Amino acid sequence: MVRRSPERVGRAVFRHMADRSWRTHDAATRGLERNLRRLLGPRASDAQLRALSRAGMRSYMRYYYEMFRLPAMDSDHLVRHTRQSGIEVLEGHLREGRGVIAALPHMGNWDHAGAWIALRGHTLTTVAQRLRPESLFQRFTAYRESLGMEVLPLSGGSDTVGTLARRLRGGGLVCLLADRDINGGGPEVDFFGEKARMPSGPAALALNTGAALMPVSLWYDGPDWNIRVHDEIPVAPGARRTERIRDTTQALAHVFQDAIAEHPEDWHMLQTVFSADHDADRARDLERIERGG
């Protein structure tokens, strides 16, 4: 239905959904505000936070609207409304046979970025969190495959890490969302003045394969999509593997922080990221258990 509706109507409906979520201050909005508070700093007023979270929810729902529209979107329109910088360096590595790890925060529209790079003739491999029910995961996988991506499951698959390494050693492109540690085993880094865990995968793959680790940030500007490929992050030196991965991940976090600070409304992070919030969530869960409910 979304694909058949006039674009003006579809965008208005999804903006209304965003505003309704924001007005009711539901769990999604509260989660977003908990993270945006770190960006704004302790001196920001509640009004400033609420204004930013409203823009953030609208940007978030724009992503979902475009998710429904992308498979049927005219490729000329997609290319015409994409602004980019730095892609030439990334493509240079690929031409020379060197694999590239594109590490992204949850910004803008990463599905659009994947579709756009596929239109440039590149095959990319990515990883998706296994959703429940399984049918939902399969639908998301089919959607991204229709845009030209190879999609591997984060869990429950056959040697996802090994497949990623093979793609990179073969000179391929791997794209990973890398600003939230889903499994909880990643290194703790400094992020907006606090501690947060980020996944070790991008740094570990760069260390293991010699692929170029290149942060990518995405944001909206009116009707246009913006893609910035940042400078390669070299794997940190050191004698211990864990320290090299930690320091490389910290360097990645610094790039993410600067990119998010420039376009905070386009950071779609509604889940818990910061260690202090994880600790608070665990404390509330423990208290609930002790109360018997």
Protein backbone atom coordinates (compact mmCIF):
# COMPACT_ATOMS: atom_id res chain seq x y z
CA MET A 1 0.00 0.00 0.00
CA VAL A 2 2.86 2.40 0.83
CA ARG A 3 4.35 1.92 -2.64
CA ARG A 4 1.03 2.63 -4.34
CA SER A 5 0.23 5.76 -2.33
CA PRO A 6 1.32 9.18 -3.60
CA GLU A 7 4.66 10.10 -2.06
CA ARG A 8 3.27 13.27 -0.47
CA VAL A 9 0.56 11.27 1.28
CA GLY A 10 2.91 8.49 2.38
CA ARG A 11 5.44 10.86 3.88
CA ALA A 12 2.69 12.75 5.71
CA VAL A 13 1.35 9.52 7.22
CA PHE A 14 4.76 8.45 8.50
CA ARG A 15 5.46 11.92 9.88
CA HIS A 16 2.13 11.75 11.72
CA MET A 17 3.16 8.40 13.19
CA ALA A 18 6.44 9.94 14.36
CA ASP A 19 4.67 12.91 15.95
CA ARG A 20 2.17 10.65 17.71
CA SER A 21 5.00 8.57 19.17
CA TRP A 22 6.74 11.76 20.26
CA ARG A 23 3.64 13.35 21.82
CA THR A 24 2.77 10.25 23.85
CA HIS A 25 6.41 9.99 24.92
CA ASP A 26 6.39 6.26 24.31
CA ALA A 27 9.25 3.85 25.00
CA ALA A 28 10.86 4.51 21.61
CA THR A 29 10.96 8.26 22.19
CA ARG A 30 12.21 7.84 25.75
CA GLY A 31 15.00 5.58 24.54
CA LEU A 32 16.02 8.08 21.89
CA GLU A 33 16.01 10.96 24.37
CA ARG A 34 18.13 9.00 26.83
CA ASN A 35 20.85 8.81 24.18
CA LEU A 36 20.37 12.32 22.79
CA ARG A 37 20.79 13.76 26.27
CA ARG A 38 24.47 12.75 26.06
CA LEU A 39 24.91 14.63 22.80
CA LEU A 40 23.38 17.83 24.11
CA GLY A 41 25.23 17.80 27.42
CA PRO A 42 24.03 18.49 30.96
CA ARG A 43 23.28 22.17 30.36
CA ALA A 44 20.69 21.53 27.65
CA SER A 45 17.10 22.28 28.60
CA ASP A 46 14.24 19.82 28.44
CA ALA A 47 12.78 21.94 25.64
CA GLN A 48 15.97 21.55 23.60
CA LEU A 49 15.93 17.81 24.14
CA ARG A 50 12.27 17.52 23.18
CA ALA A 51 12.79 19.56 20.01
CA LEU A 52 15.69 17.35 18.97
CA SER A 53 13.85 14.13 19.77
CA ARG A 54 10.89 15.25 17.66
CA ALA A 55 13.18 15.82 14.69
CA GLY A 56 14.85 12.51 15.48
CA MET A 57 11.60 10.54 15.49
CA ARG A 58 10.61 12.13 12.17
CA SER A 59 13.95 11.13 10.67
CA TYR A 60 13.57 7.62 12.09
CA MET A 61 10.12 7.17 10.54
CA ARG A 62 11.38 8.60 7.26
CA TYR A 63 13.81 5.67 7.20
CA TYR A 64 10.89 3.23 7.53
CA TYR A 65 8.84 5.00 4.89
CA GLU A 66 11.76 4.80 2.47
CA MET A 67 12.31 1.16 3.38
CA PHE A 68 8.94 0.35 1.84
CA ARG A 69 9.59 2.56 -1.19
CA LEU A 70 13.18 1.69 -2.05
CA PRO A 71 12.62 -1.60 -3.92
CA ALA A 72 10.33 0.16 -6.39
CA MET A 73 12.19 3.47 -6.50
CA ASP A 74 13.47 4.65 -9.86
CA SER A 75 17.25 4.23 -9.95
CA ASP A 76 17.72 7.59 -11.68
CA HIS A 77 15.86 9.29 -8.82
CA LEU A 78 17.99 7.48 -6.27
CA VAL A 79 21.24 8.51 -7.94
CA ARG A 80 20.10 12.07 -8.62
CA HIS A 81 19.25 12.68 -4.97
CA THR A 82 22.41 11.18 -3.49
CA ARG A 83 25.29 13.44 -2.42
CA GLN A 84 28.57 11.79 -1.52
CA SER A 85 32.17 12.46 -0.59
CA GLY A 86 35.05 10.03 -0.29
CA ILE A 87 33.63 7.15 -2.30
CA GLU A 88 36.50 7.38 -4.79
CA VAL A 89 39.01 6.29 -2.15
CA LEU A 90 36.87 3.33 -1.15
CA GLU A 91 36.41 2.29 -4.76
CA GLY A 92 40.14 2.66 -5.33
CA HIS A 93 40.83 0.01 -2.70
CA LEU A 94 38.31 -2.32 -4.33
CA ARG A 95 39.86 -1.82 -7.77
CA GLU A 96 43.24 -2.76 -6.34
CA GLY A 97 41.78 -5.94 -4.87
CA ARG A 98 41.85 -4.80 -1.26
CA GLY A 99 38.79 -5.53 0.82
CA VAL A 100 36.95 -2.71 2.58
CA ILE A 101 35.00 -2.71 5.84
CA ALA A 102 32.48 0.13 5.77
CA ALA A 103 31.55 0.73 9.42
CA LEU A 104 28.41 2.80 9.99
CA PRO A 105 26.49 4.23 12.92
CA HIS A 106 22.70 3.96 12.81
CA MET A 107 22.35 7.21 10.86
CA GLY A 108 20.24 8.31 7.92
CA ASN A 109 19.26 5.47 5.62
CA TRP A 110 21.80 2.64 5.46
CA ASP A 111 19.57 0.59 3.16
CA HIS A 112 19.64 3.43 0.65
CA ALA A 113 23.43 3.55 0.92
CA GLY A 114 23.59 -0.17 0.17
CA ALA A 115 21.28 0.17 -2.82
CA TRP A 116 23.27 3.14 -4.11
CA ILE A 117 26.63 1.34 -3.90
CA ALA A 118 25.07 -1.68 -5.63
CA LEU A 119 23.98 0.61 -8.47
CA ARG A 120 27.64 1.57 -8.85
CA GLY A 121 28.41 -2.05 -9.65
CA HIS A 122 29.66 -3.28 -6.29
CA THR A 123 28.55 -6.37 -4.43
CA LEU A 124 28.36 -5.83 -0.69
CA THR A 125 27.94 -8.21 2.19
CA THR A 126 26.25 -7.24 5.44
CA VAL A 127 24.99 -8.81 8.65
CA ALA A 128 21.46 -8.67 10.04
CA GLN A 129 20.25 -9.31 13.56
CA ARG A 130 18.08 -12.41 13.60
CA LEU A 131 14.58 -11.13 14.34
CA ARG A 132 11.69 -13.09 15.77
CA PRO A 133 9.55 -14.56 14.41
CA GLU A 134 11.76 -16.16 11.77
CA SER A 135 9.35 -15.08 9.04
CA LEU A 136 10.06 -11.43 9.89
CA PHE A 137 13.80 -12.03 9.62
CA GLN A 138 13.32 -13.72 6.26
CA ARG A 139 11.27 -10.77 4.99
CA PHE A 140 13.94 -8.27 6.02
CA THR A 141 16.60 -10.47 4.43
CA ALA A 142 14.65 -10.73 1.17
CA TYR A 143 14.12 -6.96 1.16
CA ARG A 144 17.83 -6.21 1.47
CA GLU A 145 18.74 -8.88 -1.05
CA SER A 146 16.34 -7.20 -3.50
CA LEU A 147 18.49 -4.06 -3.15
CA GLY A 148 21.61 -5.97 -4.19
CA MET A 149 23.08 -7.02 -0.83
CA GLU A 150 24.30 -10.36 0.45
CA VAL A 151 22.80 -10.72 3.94
CA LEU A 152 24.26 -13.00 6.62
CA PRO A 153 22.58 -13.69 9.99
CA LEU A 154 24.29 -12.32 13.09
CA SER A 155 23.44 -15.54 14.93
CA GLY A 156 22.14 -18.96 14.06
CA GLY A 157 23.94 -19.08 10.74
CA SER A 158 26.86 -21.06 9.39
CA ASP A 159 30.18 -19.32 10.14
CA THR A 160 29.18 -15.73 9.48
CA VAL A 161 32.54 -14.37 10.64
CA GLY A 162 34.41 -16.77 8.37
CA THR A 163 32.29 -15.76 5.40
CA LEU A 164 32.95 -12.07 6.06
CA ALA A 165 36.69 -12.74 6.26
CA ARG A 166 36.63 -14.64 2.97
CA ARG A 167 34.76 -11.82 1.25
CA LEU A 168 37.33 -9.31 2.49
CA ARG A 169 40.34 -11.42 1.56
CA GLY A 170 38.79 -11.72 -1.88
CA GLY A 171 38.75 -7.94 -2.23
CA GLY A 172 35.08 -7.50 -1.39
CA LEU A 173 33.06 -4.87 0.45
CA VAL A 174 31.56 -5.60 3.87
CA CYS A 175 29.18 -3.09 5.49
CA LEU A 176 28.55 -3.28 9.24
CA LEU A 177 26.47 -1.17 11.62
CA ALA A 178 28.92 -0.63 14.44
CA ASP A 179 27.68 1.80 17.11
CA ARG A 180 25.82 -0.70 19.34
CA ASP A 181 27.19 -3.91 20.81
CA ILE A 182 24.31 -6.36 20.59
CA ASN A 183 26.16 -9.35 22.04
CA GLY A 184 27.73 -7.44 24.93
CA GLY A 185 31.30 -8.66 24.45
CA GLY A 186 32.79 -5.68 22.64
CA PRO A 187 35.34 -3.25 24.07
CA GLU A 188 34.25 -0.35 26.24
CA VAL A 189 35.08 3.01 24.66
CA ASP A 190 34.68 6.69 25.44
CA PHE A 191 31.63 8.05 23.62
CA PHE A 192 30.19 11.52 24.23
CA GLY A 193 32.03 11.70 27.55
CA GLU A 194 30.74 8.38 28.86
CA LYS A 195 31.52 4.70 28.57
CA ALA A 196 29.78 2.61 25.94
CA ARG A 197 30.42 -0.81 24.44
CA MET A 198 30.83 -1.15 20.70
CA PRO A 199 31.24 -4.31 18.64
CA SER A 200 34.75 -5.63 18.10
CA GLY A 201 33.90 -7.07 14.68
CA PRO A 202 35.05 -4.23 12.39
CA ALA A 203 38.42 -3.85 14.11
CA ALA A 204 38.96 -7.60 14.40
CA LEU A 205 38.18 -8.16 10.73
CA ALA A 206 40.56 -5.38 9.72
CA LEU A 207 43.28 -6.91 11.89
CA ASN A 208 42.70 -10.43 10.58
CA THR A 209 42.34 -9.67 6.87
CA GLY A 210 44.25 -6.46 6.18
CA ALA A 211 41.08 -4.85 4.81
CA ALA A 212 40.67 -1.08 4.97
CA LEU A 213 38.45 0.02 7.86
CA MET A 214 36.53 3.07 6.65
CA PRO A 215 33.83 4.81 8.72
CA VAL A 216 30.78 5.98 6.77
CA SER A 217 28.24 8.53 7.99
CA LEU A 218 24.79 9.14 6.52
CA TRP A 219 22.28 11.95 6.90
CA TYR A 220 19.35 13.65 5.25
CA ASP A 221 19.32 17.10 3.69
CA GLY A 222 15.84 17.94 2.46
CA PRO A 223 14.95 15.38 -0.23
CA ASP A 224 18.57 14.28 -0.59
CA TRP A 225 20.56 11.45 0.98
CA ASN A 226 24.12 12.22 2.03
CA ILE A 227 26.96 9.70 2.25
CA ARG A 228 30.40 10.54 3.60
CA VAL A 229 33.21 7.99 3.48
CA HIS A 230 35.74 9.03 6.10
CA ASP A 231 39.48 8.40 6.04
CA GLU A 232 40.66 4.87 6.69
CA ILE A 233 41.30 4.01 10.33
CA PRO A 234 44.57 2.07 10.55
CA VAL A 235 44.65 -0.86 12.94
CA ALA A 236 46.23 0.36 16.17
CA PRO A 237 49.76 -0.89 16.90
CA GLY A 238 50.56 -2.95 19.97
CA ALA A 239 51.69 -6.32 21.23
CA ARG A 240 48.34 -7.59 22.47
CA ARG A 241 45.47 -8.35 20.14
CA THR A 242 42.78 -7.24 22.61
CA GLU A 243 44.43 -3.86 23.06
CA ARG A 244 44.76 -3.33 19.31
CA ILE A 245 41.08 -4.10 18.80
CA ARG A 246 40.08 -1.85 21.70
CA ASP A 247 42.18 1.10 20.50
CA THR A 248 41.00 0.71 16.90
CA THR A 249 37.38 0.58 18.05
CA GLN A 250 37.99 3.71 20.12
CA ALA A 251 39.27 5.52 17.03
CA LEU A 252 36.13 4.43 15.19
CA ALA A 253 33.98 5.72 18.07
CA HIS A 254 35.64 9.14 17.82
CA VAL A 255 34.69 9.40 14.13
CA PHE A 256 31.14 8.28 14.88
CA GLN A 257 30.86 10.84 17.68
CA ASP A 258 31.89 13.74 15.46
CA ALA A 259 29.59 12.61 12.64
CA ILE A 260 26.59 12.17 14.94
CA ALA A 261 27.23 15.53 16.60
CA GLU A 262 26.99 17.21 13.18
CA HIS A 263 23.63 15.58 12.40
CA PRO A 264 22.14 14.45 15.73
CA GLU A 265 18.56 14.30 14.46
CA ASP A 266 19.59 11.55 12.01
CA TRP A 267 21.04 9.21 14.66
CA HIS A 268 18.40 6.49 14.94
CA MET A 269 19.51 5.00 18.24
CA LEU A 270 16.50 4.09 20.36
CA GLN A 271 18.17 1.20 22.17
CA THR A 272 20.44 1.30 25.20
CA VAL A 273 24.03 2.21 24.29
CA PHE A 274 25.75 3.74 27.29
CA SER A 275 27.14 1.55 30.06
CA ALA A 276 25.49 3.61 32.79
CA ASP A 277 22.09 2.94 31.24
CA HIS A 278 22.78 -0.78 30.97
CA ASP A 279 23.69 -0.77 34.68
CA ALA A 280 20.50 1.12 35.54
CA ASP A 281 18.40 -1.29 33.48
CA ARG A 282 19.95 -4.30 35.21
CA ALA A 283 19.36 -2.73 38.62
CA ARG A 284 15.68 -2.15 37.83
CA ASP A 285 15.31 -5.72 36.56
CA LEU A 286 16.91 -7.09 39.73
CA GLU A 287 14.66 -4.95 41.92
CA ARG A 288 11.62 -6.18 40.01
CA ILE A 289 12.67 -9.79 40.50
CA GLU A 290 13.26 -9.26 44.21
CA ARG A 291 9.78 -7.77 44.54
CA GLY A 292 8.39 -10.88 42.89
CA GLY A 293 7.20 -9.28 39.69
